[in-house]
Structures are given as C-alpha cells and as structure tokens.
Protein backbone atom coordinates (compact mmCIF):
# COMPACT_ATOMS: atom_id res chain seq x y z
CA MET A 1 177.10 132.55 51.55
CA ARG A 2 175.23 131.88 54.76
CA ASN A 3 172.79 129.61 52.91
CA VAL A 4 175.70 127.52 51.60
CA TYR A 5 176.95 126.95 55.17
CA ILE A 6 173.48 125.94 56.32
CA VAL A 7 173.13 123.47 53.41
CA VAL A 8 176.58 121.95 54.07
CA ILE A 9 175.86 121.55 57.80
CA ALA A 10 172.43 120.05 57.05
CA LEU A 11 173.97 117.56 54.58
CA PHE A 12 176.63 116.61 57.12
CA ILE A 13 174.00 115.98 59.81
CA ILE A 14 171.90 113.91 57.40
CA CYS A 15 174.95 111.81 56.44
CA VAL A 16 175.79 111.13 60.10
CA ILE A 17 172.19 110.12 60.84
CA LEU A 18 172.08 107.81 57.81
CA LEU A 19 175.39 106.21 58.81
CA ALA A 20 174.14 105.51 62.34
CA ALA A 21 170.83 104.17 61.01
CA SER A 22 172.66 101.81 58.64
CA PHE A 23 174.54 100.24 61.57
CA PHE A 24 171.28 99.64 63.44
CA TRP A 25 169.70 98.15 60.31
CA LEU A 26 172.65 95.82 59.67
CA ASP A 27 172.56 94.65 63.28
CA SER A 28 168.84 93.89 63.10
CA MET A 29 169.28 91.90 59.87
CA GLY A 30 171.53 89.37 61.60
CA HIS A 31 169.38 89.03 64.72
CA LYS A 32 165.95 87.41 64.76
CA LYS A 33 163.71 86.46 67.67
CA PHE A 34 161.14 83.69 67.73
CA TYR A 35 158.48 83.28 70.44
CA TYR A 36 156.50 80.10 71.06
CA ILE A 37 153.73 79.23 73.51
CA VAL A 38 153.79 75.63 74.75
CA GLU A 39 150.36 74.11 75.29
CA LEU A 40 149.41 70.96 77.17
CA GLU A 41 145.89 69.69 76.60
CA ALA A 42 144.94 72.98 74.88
CA LYS A 43 146.04 75.07 77.89
CA PRO A 44 149.14 77.29 78.06
CA PHE A 45 151.94 75.42 79.85
CA GLY A 46 154.98 77.60 79.22
CA SER A 47 156.86 79.77 76.76
CA VAL A 48 159.98 79.48 74.63
CA ARG A 49 162.07 82.32 73.18
CA VAL A 50 164.76 81.61 70.58
CA ASP A 51 167.30 84.26 69.52
CA LYS A 52 169.21 83.71 66.29
CA PHE A 53 172.40 85.69 65.65
CA VAL A 54 174.20 85.52 62.31
CA THR A 55 177.71 86.95 62.14
CA GLU A 56 180.34 86.79 59.42
CA ASP A 57 181.77 83.44 60.46
CA LYS A 58 179.37 81.98 63.06
CA ARG A 59 175.73 81.32 63.76
CA MET A 60 174.48 81.43 67.34
CA TYR A 61 171.19 80.21 68.73
CA LYS A 62 170.09 80.98 72.28
CA ALA A 63 166.92 79.45 73.66
CA SER A 64 165.22 80.35 76.91
CA SER A 65 162.12 78.52 78.09
CA GLN A 66 159.99 78.81 81.18
CA MET A 67 157.72 75.99 82.27
CA PRO A 68 156.23 77.18 85.58
CA PHE A 69 154.16 74.03 86.15
CA GLU A 70 157.00 71.52 85.78
CA ASP A 71 158.08 69.58 88.87
CA LEU A 72 161.71 70.63 89.46
CA LEU A 73 163.38 72.45 86.61
CA THR A 74 161.30 75.44 85.55
CA ASP A 75 163.81 77.60 83.63
CA HIS A 76 165.84 76.16 80.74
CA ARG A 77 168.56 78.01 78.85
CA ALA A 78 170.54 76.59 75.94
CA GLY A 79 173.14 78.08 73.65
CA LEU A 80 174.48 76.67 70.40
CA THR A 81 177.27 78.13 68.26
CA LEU A 82 177.92 76.80 64.77
CA GLU A 83 180.75 77.64 62.44
CA LYS A 84 180.24 78.80 58.87
CA ASP A 85 180.09 75.22 57.55
CA TYR A 86 177.57 74.28 60.31
CA ALA A 87 180.19 72.44 62.41
CA LEU A 88 179.46 72.53 66.13
CA ASP A 89 181.68 75.04 67.92
CA GLU A 90 180.09 75.39 71.35
CA TYR A 91 177.04 74.11 73.23
CA SER A 92 175.83 74.98 76.69
CA GLU A 93 172.70 74.16 78.63
CA SER A 94 171.55 75.10 82.09
CA ASN A 95 168.38 74.31 83.97
CA SER A 96 167.27 75.92 87.19
CA GLY A 97 164.38 75.94 89.55
CA SER A 98 164.09 73.77 92.65
CA GLY A 99 166.99 71.62 91.37
CA ALA A 100 170.06 72.78 89.50
CA HIS A 101 171.66 71.25 86.42
CA GLU A 102 174.28 72.55 84.00
CA ARG A 103 175.93 71.01 80.93
CA CYS A 104 178.60 72.54 78.69
CA LEU A 105 180.53 71.37 75.63
CA VAL A 106 183.25 73.56 74.14
CA ARG A 107 185.38 72.44 71.24
C-alpha cells in the first residue's frame, strides 16, 4: 500500500512540473528576439535588438538600438502594436542622449 502512495505522489509531482513547463514553453513560442550589429565602413557602429511578441489578438514589436558614436541621440526605442489583421493599433518612439525626443501615436 505504501508503494501505491509513493507512485500517486510521484505522478502528481510529475504532472505539476509538466504543467508549469508547458506554460513556459507556450510563452517562449510567442516571443522571439533578434539581435543585429550595425557596421559603418566595416567597423561596428552600434547594435539593434528587436523583440517580437505574438498574442491571441495582437502582435507587438519593440526595438531598442544604441549608437554610441552618433552626434546627439544615442539610444532609440520604438514600439509597434498591430491588431490581428495587421492594422496599426499603437506606435511609440523615443530617442535619448544629449538631446531628447519622443513621439507617440495611439489609435
């Protein structure tokens, strides 16, 4: 009888672990990251990171770039949200560094 309890508890623990792992796997399927190196005259000039999130009814893209050798605006961040039929839902952009600039469009 003791072995039956051990097997039931072990199966319960395995089911809980598999359930938690499935949530992490589903979250990673809808989220992708892309990294780019920007070169100017065959020398590294900056970097760009793009995050893509896919949900049930929206697609979101967030881009972050750093150009340390630019004159004024060295950090750029942009966000784009599209609806299921690829209609623009929200757009935002901000630049920072020595100068400051911000732009936002919300439908």
